[in-house]
Protein backbone atom coordinates (compact mmCIF):
# COMPACT_ATOMS: atom_id res chain seq x y z
CA MET A 1 -31.09 16.46 -56.97
CA ILE A 2 -34.68 18.26 -57.41
CA GLY A 3 -37.23 15.07 -57.63
CA LEU A 4 -41.19 15.55 -58.19
CA ALA A 5 -44.08 13.72 -56.79
CA HIS A 6 -46.66 14.39 -59.26
CA PRO A 7 -44.63 15.52 -62.93
CA GLN A 8 -48.05 14.93 -64.79
CA ALA A 9 -48.53 18.76 -63.11
CA LEU A 10 -45.77 20.11 -65.37
CA TRP A 11 -48.16 19.92 -67.91
CA GLY A 12 -50.33 22.88 -66.53
CA LEU A 13 -47.13 25.22 -67.88
CA LEU A 14 -48.24 24.69 -71.57
CA ALA A 15 -51.36 26.18 -70.54
CA LEU A 16 -49.74 29.53 -69.49
CA PRO A 17 -48.30 30.10 -73.34
CA LEU A 18 -51.71 29.11 -74.57
CA ALA A 19 -53.85 31.51 -72.91
CA LEU A 20 -51.54 34.25 -73.51
CA LEU A 21 -51.57 33.49 -77.28
CA ALA A 22 -55.43 33.34 -77.17
CA ARG A 23 -55.66 36.19 -75.44
CA ARG A 24 -53.65 38.11 -78.02
CA LEU A 25 -55.81 36.80 -80.63
CA ARG A 26 -59.08 37.63 -79.39
CA PRO A 27 -60.75 40.57 -81.76
CA ALA A 28 -60.69 43.81 -79.60
CA PRO A 29 -64.24 45.65 -79.62
CA ALA A 30 -64.69 48.24 -82.22
CA LEU A 31 -64.88 51.78 -80.75
CA PRO A 32 -65.16 55.24 -83.08
CA VAL A 33 -62.11 56.78 -81.97
CA ALA A 34 -59.84 59.49 -83.94
CA ASP A 35 -57.15 57.83 -85.92
CA ILE A 36 -54.75 57.84 -82.98
CA GLY A 37 -51.32 55.83 -85.21
CA PRO A 38 -49.30 58.79 -84.98
CA TRP A 39 -49.54 59.43 -81.47
CA ARG A 40 -49.02 55.40 -80.96
CA ALA A 41 -45.82 55.66 -83.22
CA GLY A 42 -44.10 58.46 -81.35
CA ALA A 43 -45.46 56.82 -77.73
CA ARG A 44 -43.79 53.21 -77.81
CA PRO A 45 -44.31 51.21 -74.96
CA ALA A 46 -41.64 50.87 -72.60
CA MET A 47 -39.69 47.61 -71.82
CA ARG A 48 -40.72 48.14 -67.76
CA SER A 49 -44.52 47.97 -69.39
CA HIS A 50 -44.29 44.30 -69.70
CA VAL A 51 -42.82 43.71 -66.06
CA PRO A 52 -46.74 43.57 -64.61
CA MET A 53 -47.24 40.67 -67.20
CA ALA A 54 -43.93 39.04 -66.72
CA CYS A 55 -44.90 38.75 -62.78
CA ARG A 56 -48.72 37.23 -63.85
CA LEU A 57 -46.85 34.69 -65.65
CA LEU A 58 -43.99 33.93 -63.65
CA GLY A 59 -46.71 33.97 -60.58
CA LEU A 60 -48.80 31.10 -62.35
CA ALA A 61 -45.48 29.40 -63.36
CA ALA A 62 -44.44 29.03 -59.77
CA LEU A 63 -47.75 27.84 -58.88
CA VAL A 64 -48.06 24.94 -61.38
CA PHE A 65 -44.10 23.66 -60.05
CA ALA A 66 -45.66 23.88 -56.63
CA LEU A 67 -48.39 21.38 -57.61
CA ALA A 68 -45.70 19.28 -59.24
CA GLY A 69 -44.43 18.66 -55.44
CA PRO A 70 -41.08 19.60 -55.84
CA ARG A 71 -38.30 18.12 -53.07
CA LEU A 72 -34.59 18.25 -53.05
CA ALA A 73 -33.42 14.76 -52.39
CA GLY A 74 -31.06 14.30 -49.59
CA GLU A 75 -29.31 11.70 -47.03
CA ALA A 76 -29.59 11.90 -43.38
CA VAL A 77 -27.33 9.84 -41.18
CA SER A 78 -28.06 8.35 -37.45
CA TYR A 79 -26.54 5.75 -35.12
CA ARG A 80 -27.35 2.89 -33.40
CA GLY A 81 -26.60 1.14 -30.78
CA ARG A 82 -26.06 1.24 -27.16
CA GLY A 83 -23.29 3.37 -27.33
CA ALA A 84 -21.21 5.01 -24.65
CA ASP A 85 -21.87 7.62 -21.81
CA ILE A 86 -18.88 10.06 -20.88
CA MET A 87 -18.42 13.14 -18.95
CA LEU A 88 -15.90 15.58 -19.34
CA ALA A 89 -14.57 17.02 -16.32
CA ILE A 90 -12.37 20.60 -16.90
CA ASP A 91 -10.54 22.45 -14.38
CA LEU A 92 -11.04 25.89 -14.39
CA SER A 93 -8.62 27.14 -11.85
CA GLU A 94 -5.74 29.48 -12.10
CA SER A 95 -3.12 26.78 -13.12
CA MET A 96 -5.34 26.41 -16.58
CA GLY A 97 -4.41 29.73 -17.38
CA ALA A 98 -0.83 29.00 -17.75
CA LEU A 99 0.68 29.66 -21.20
CA ASP A 100 2.79 26.81 -21.62
CA MET A 101 1.36 25.39 -24.84
CA ALA A 102 2.47 26.17 -28.35
CA LEU A 103 0.16 25.45 -31.09
CA GLY A 104 1.80 26.15 -34.40
CA ASP A 105 3.30 29.83 -34.02
CA ARG A 106 1.33 30.94 -30.92
CA THR A 107 1.09 30.30 -27.51
CA VAL A 108 -1.98 29.48 -25.74
CA SER A 109 -3.23 28.37 -22.12
CA ARG A 110 -3.57 25.15 -21.04
CA LEU A 111 -7.12 25.55 -20.89
CA GLU A 112 -7.79 26.62 -24.18
CA ALA A 113 -5.47 23.56 -25.91
CA VAL A 114 -7.28 21.42 -23.19
CA VAL A 115 -10.80 22.90 -24.97
CA GLY A 116 -9.87 22.19 -28.72
CA GLN A 117 -9.10 18.61 -27.90
CA ALA A 118 -12.05 18.02 -26.04
CA GLU A 119 -14.16 19.03 -28.72
CA ARG A 120 -12.14 16.54 -31.54
CA PHE A 121 -12.52 13.81 -28.74
CA ALA A 122 -16.46 14.14 -28.56
CA ARG A 123 -16.36 15.01 -32.17
CA ALA A 124 -14.69 11.55 -32.94
CA ARG A 125 -17.33 10.01 -31.17
CA PRO A 126 -20.59 10.43 -33.40
CA GLY A 127 -23.73 8.86 -31.62
CA ASP A 128 -22.05 8.90 -28.04
CA ARG A 129 -23.73 11.06 -25.40
CA VAL A 130 -20.91 13.42 -23.77
CA GLY A 131 -21.48 15.73 -21.26
CA LEU A 132 -19.50 18.61 -19.14
CA VAL A 133 -18.34 18.96 -15.38
CA ALA A 134 -16.61 22.27 -15.01
CA PHE A 135 -14.65 22.50 -11.62
CA GLY A 136 -12.76 24.98 -9.46
CA SER A 137 -12.96 25.85 -5.73
CA ARG A 138 -16.68 24.34 -6.60
CA ALA A 139 -17.89 22.05 -9.39
CA TYR A 140 -20.96 22.47 -11.66
CA VAL A 141 -22.16 20.51 -14.39
CA VAL A 142 -22.48 22.91 -17.73
CA MET A 143 -23.92 20.07 -19.82
CA PRO A 144 -25.68 16.58 -19.10
CA PRO A 145 -24.23 13.68 -21.38
CA SER A 146 -25.58 14.18 -25.14
CA ALA A 147 -25.38 13.82 -28.84
CA ASP A 148 -25.63 17.32 -29.34
CA ARG A 149 -21.86 18.18 -30.43
CA GLU A 150 -22.67 21.84 -31.64
CA ALA A 151 -24.45 22.25 -27.84
CA LEU A 152 -20.87 20.86 -26.65
CA ALA A 153 -18.97 22.58 -28.64
CA ARG A 154 -20.47 26.33 -27.47
CA ALA A 155 -20.46 25.00 -24.20
CA LEU A 156 -16.57 24.51 -24.21
CA THR A 157 -16.02 27.45 -25.94
CA ARG A 158 -17.90 29.70 -22.84
CA LEU A 159 -14.86 28.36 -20.48
CA ALA A 160 -13.21 30.52 -18.32
CA VAL A 161 -10.38 30.06 -15.99
CA GLY A 162 -11.50 31.22 -13.02
CA ALA A 163 -15.10 30.91 -13.59
CA ALA A 164 -15.69 28.44 -10.76
CA GLY A 165 -12.71 29.76 -8.40
CA ARG A 166 -9.55 29.77 -8.06
CA ARG A 167 -8.83 26.53 -5.93
CA THR A 168 -9.35 22.95 -7.23
CA ALA A 169 -12.23 20.50 -5.97
CA MET A 170 -11.40 17.68 -8.31
CA GLY A 171 -12.98 15.24 -5.77
CA ASP A 172 -16.03 16.99 -6.36
CA ALA A 173 -16.23 17.11 -9.92
CA VAL A 174 -15.59 13.64 -10.40
CA ALA A 175 -18.20 12.27 -7.80
CA LEU A 176 -20.93 15.04 -9.58
CA ALA A 177 -19.62 13.74 -13.18
CA VAL A 178 -20.25 10.32 -11.82
CA LYS A 179 -23.55 10.93 -10.31
CA ARG A 180 -24.79 12.39 -13.69
CA LEU A 181 -23.54 8.94 -15.54
CA ASP A 182 -25.38 6.48 -12.70
CA GLY A 183 -27.72 4.36 -14.52
CA ALA A 184 -26.76 5.57 -17.96
CA PRO A 185 -27.75 2.98 -20.67
CA GLY A 186 -24.46 2.74 -22.66
CA LEU A 187 -22.08 0.35 -22.90
CA ALA A 188 -19.56 1.69 -21.39
CA ARG A 189 -19.32 4.91 -18.51
CA ALA A 190 -16.38 7.13 -18.08
CA VAL A 191 -14.74 10.59 -16.65
CA VAL A 192 -11.82 12.08 -18.47
CA VAL A 193 -10.88 14.44 -16.06
CA PHE A 194 -8.21 17.32 -16.86
CA GLY A 195 -6.60 19.18 -14.79
CA ASP A 196 -3.22 19.66 -12.58
CA GLY A 197 -4.40 17.25 -10.19
CA ARG A 198 -3.78 19.25 -6.90
CA SER A 199 -7.05 19.58 -5.41
CA LYS A 200 -7.05 21.98 -2.68
CA ALA A 201 -11.12 22.60 -2.00
CA GLY A 202 -14.55 20.84 -2.24
CA GLU A 203 -15.86 18.36 0.14
CA LEU A 204 -14.52 15.18 -1.30
CA ARG A 205 -11.10 14.31 -1.82
CA PRO A 206 -10.55 12.72 -5.06
CA GLU A 207 -9.65 9.24 -3.41
CA THR A 208 -13.11 8.81 -2.22
CA ALA A 209 -14.63 9.90 -5.55
CA ALA A 210 -12.42 7.10 -7.23
CA LEU A 211 -14.54 4.64 -4.77
CA ALA A 212 -17.49 5.89 -5.66
CA ALA A 213 -16.97 5.85 -8.96
CA ALA A 214 -15.14 2.08 -8.96
CA ASP A 215 -18.68 0.88 -6.99
CA ARG A 216 -20.72 2.37 -9.85
CA GLY A 217 -19.03 0.78 -12.97
CA VAL A 218 -17.71 4.14 -13.88
CA VAL A 219 -14.13 4.27 -15.72
CA VAL A 220 -12.34 7.63 -14.68
CA HIS A 221 -9.51 8.61 -16.97
CA ALA A 222 -6.95 11.31 -15.29
CA VAL A 223 -4.90 13.75 -18.15
CA GLY A 224 -2.27 15.45 -16.16
CA VAL A 225 -2.08 19.47 -18.22
CA GLY A 226 0.69 21.20 -17.63
CA GLY A 227 4.97 20.71 -17.62
CA ASP A 228 6.92 20.57 -14.46
CA GLY A 229 8.47 23.71 -13.10
CA PRO A 230 7.38 27.24 -13.12
CA ALA A 231 4.95 27.91 -15.75
CA PRO A 232 4.20 31.69 -17.70
CA PHE A 233 0.60 33.37 -16.47
CA LEU A 234 -0.25 36.79 -17.96
CA VAL A 235 -1.42 38.89 -14.45
CA ASN A 236 -2.84 42.25 -14.70
CA HIS A 237 -0.40 44.39 -12.48
CA PRO A 238 -2.08 47.59 -10.56
CA LEU A 239 0.92 50.01 -12.00
CA LEU A 240 2.10 48.21 -14.70
CA GLY A 241 -0.59 46.69 -16.48
CA GLN A 242 -0.33 43.53 -18.22
CA GLU A 243 2.96 41.43 -17.94
CA ILE A 244 4.44 37.72 -17.72
CA VAL A 245 5.41 36.33 -14.56
CA ARG A 246 6.53 32.79 -13.94
CA GLU A 247 5.04 30.89 -11.05
CA ASP A 248 4.63 27.40 -9.99
CA ALA A 249 2.08 24.89 -11.95
CA THR A 250 3.12 21.51 -11.67
CA VAL A 251 1.26 18.53 -12.29
CA ASP A 252 0.38 16.29 -8.96
CA THR A 253 0.78 12.96 -11.26
CA ALA A 254 1.05 10.46 -8.10
CA SER A 255 -2.83 11.85 -7.35
CA LEU A 256 -4.13 11.60 -10.67
CA THR A 257 -2.35 8.36 -11.81
CA ALA A 258 -4.10 6.96 -8.25
CA LEU A 259 -7.26 8.59 -8.95
CA ALA A 260 -7.45 7.01 -12.72
CA ARG A 261 -5.91 2.98 -11.33
CA ALA A 262 -8.56 2.95 -8.76
CA THR A 263 -11.14 2.99 -11.36
CA GLY A 264 -9.49 1.01 -13.71
CA GLY A 265 -9.01 4.25 -16.12
CA VAL A 266 -5.34 5.28 -17.28
CA PHE A 267 -3.61 8.44 -16.52
CA ALA A 268 -1.34 10.30 -19.44
CA ARG A 269 1.17 13.44 -18.80
CA ALA A 270 0.31 16.38 -21.27
CA ASP A 271 3.05 18.92 -21.07
CA ASP A 272 2.51 19.81 -24.84
CA PRO A 273 -0.59 20.22 -27.66
CA ALA A 274 0.94 16.93 -28.95
CA ALA A 275 1.37 14.87 -25.60
CA LEU A 276 -2.74 15.98 -25.10
CA SER A 277 -3.72 14.67 -28.24
CA ARG A 278 -2.35 11.36 -27.70
CA ALA A 279 -3.79 11.46 -23.90
CA ILE A 280 -7.10 12.06 -25.29
CA ASP A 281 -6.98 9.36 -28.36
CA THR A 282 -6.02 7.11 -24.94
CA ALA A 283 -8.82 7.64 -23.06
CA SER A 284 -10.86 7.24 -26.01
CA ALA A 285 -9.67 3.51 -27.18
CA ARG A 286 -10.43 2.61 -23.69
CA THR A 287 -13.81 3.23 -23.86
CA PRO A 288 -15.42 1.14 -26.25
CA SER A 289 -18.45 2.39 -28.36
CA ASP A 290 -20.85 -0.03 -30.45
CA MET A 291 -22.64 3.06 -32.44
CA VAL A 292 -22.70 2.21 -35.87
CA PRO A 293 -23.79 4.93 -38.81
CA VAL A 294 -27.04 4.53 -40.33
CA SER A 295 -28.20 5.99 -43.51
CA ARG A 296 -31.64 7.19 -44.71
CA ALA A 297 -33.31 9.13 -47.31
CA GLU A 298 -34.15 12.45 -46.50
CA ASP A 299 -36.14 14.77 -48.46
CA THR A 300 -36.93 18.64 -48.18
CA PRO A 301 -39.93 19.85 -49.55
CA LEU A 302 -39.74 22.75 -51.87
CA ALA A 303 -43.18 23.62 -52.67
CA PRO A 304 -43.75 26.11 -50.10
CA LEU A 305 -40.81 27.91 -51.10
CA ALA A 306 -42.24 27.92 -54.40
CA VAL A 307 -46.06 28.82 -53.15
CA ALA A 308 -43.90 31.99 -51.36
CA LEU A 309 -42.32 32.56 -54.77
CA ALA A 310 -45.58 32.52 -56.55
CA VAL A 311 -47.26 34.65 -54.03
CA CYS A 312 -45.33 37.41 -54.01
CA LEU A 313 -45.00 37.44 -58.08
CA LEU A 314 -48.79 37.81 -58.02
CA VAL A 315 -49.05 40.27 -55.61
CA ALA A 316 -46.38 42.35 -57.06
CA TRP A 317 -48.54 41.78 -60.71
CA ALA A 318 -51.45 43.04 -58.70
CA GLY A 319 -50.05 46.16 -57.22
CA LEU A 320 -48.07 46.98 -60.52
CA SER A 321 -51.44 46.69 -62.77
CA ALA A 322 -53.40 49.30 -59.90
CA THR A 323 -50.80 51.74 -60.47
CA ARG A 324 -50.29 51.82 -63.79
CA LEU A 325 -51.57 54.67 -66.15
CA PRO A 326 -54.88 54.06 -67.93
CA ARG A 327 -54.06 52.60 -71.54
CA LEU A 328 -56.36 53.28 -74.77
CA PRO A 329 -57.76 50.53 -75.99
């Protein structure tokens, strides 16, 4: 809805037609010339001859409208509370490329399924601060805890299998996530780990990282992504091109369960998208937050737009007036 800060300024719009009428009624100066009536009858002005005057009037009307202080009324929502600080730790090792997740009528990789559910998890917790750690053979912080969901969504879509190496440094990833949460002001601090649990790289064992998390009051929830037995992978064969092969990509449930229990967290198995969604919901339910939405009025000023329109119209009027052919009085 559009409102006006100074509606009385709109009275100025009445002055425009009055000024035009006064100009029309003003007597023209006498000039002794030959009778040009027949010429004028045969050369009536085209409609385009009125364009300059229309630009002038509309430009002046836009200036008057700008003086009235137009604004577009709106509402903004912010969140109040301590909230929660959460780090998502996502495995990028080669096992996450397994094509054993069915979304509707198409099959996707484990990583693609995790990315979609991780984004849903974050958007379901507005106001909370959510960050991202990725890990393969090494672990690195993709994004610190933030309430910016669009930035997180972009970061998630840029994740790729093998970007951090082919192996799994889960202990390093958990330790790095815990470090980013150290001293965070949230009501709860949690790490949600997605992967197969088979830690084969890095400097720290998952058990050591779990002890560090528990010592700092950080809860670790673990989600084992994938099914049992060999899983299909899309590989590039040097001679045959792309082909599907089956390789072992089982989930180490014992390691993930121990990691979660050591910190008071939960372990959930996600061998299909539905189970992955339930695992996300369980982790979210176990991470309390006191964030409450607060609405406030937020108006968008339209005066700058009206002034810009007025300037364009008046410049057009000046340009057209300068280029028109001279007219007889």
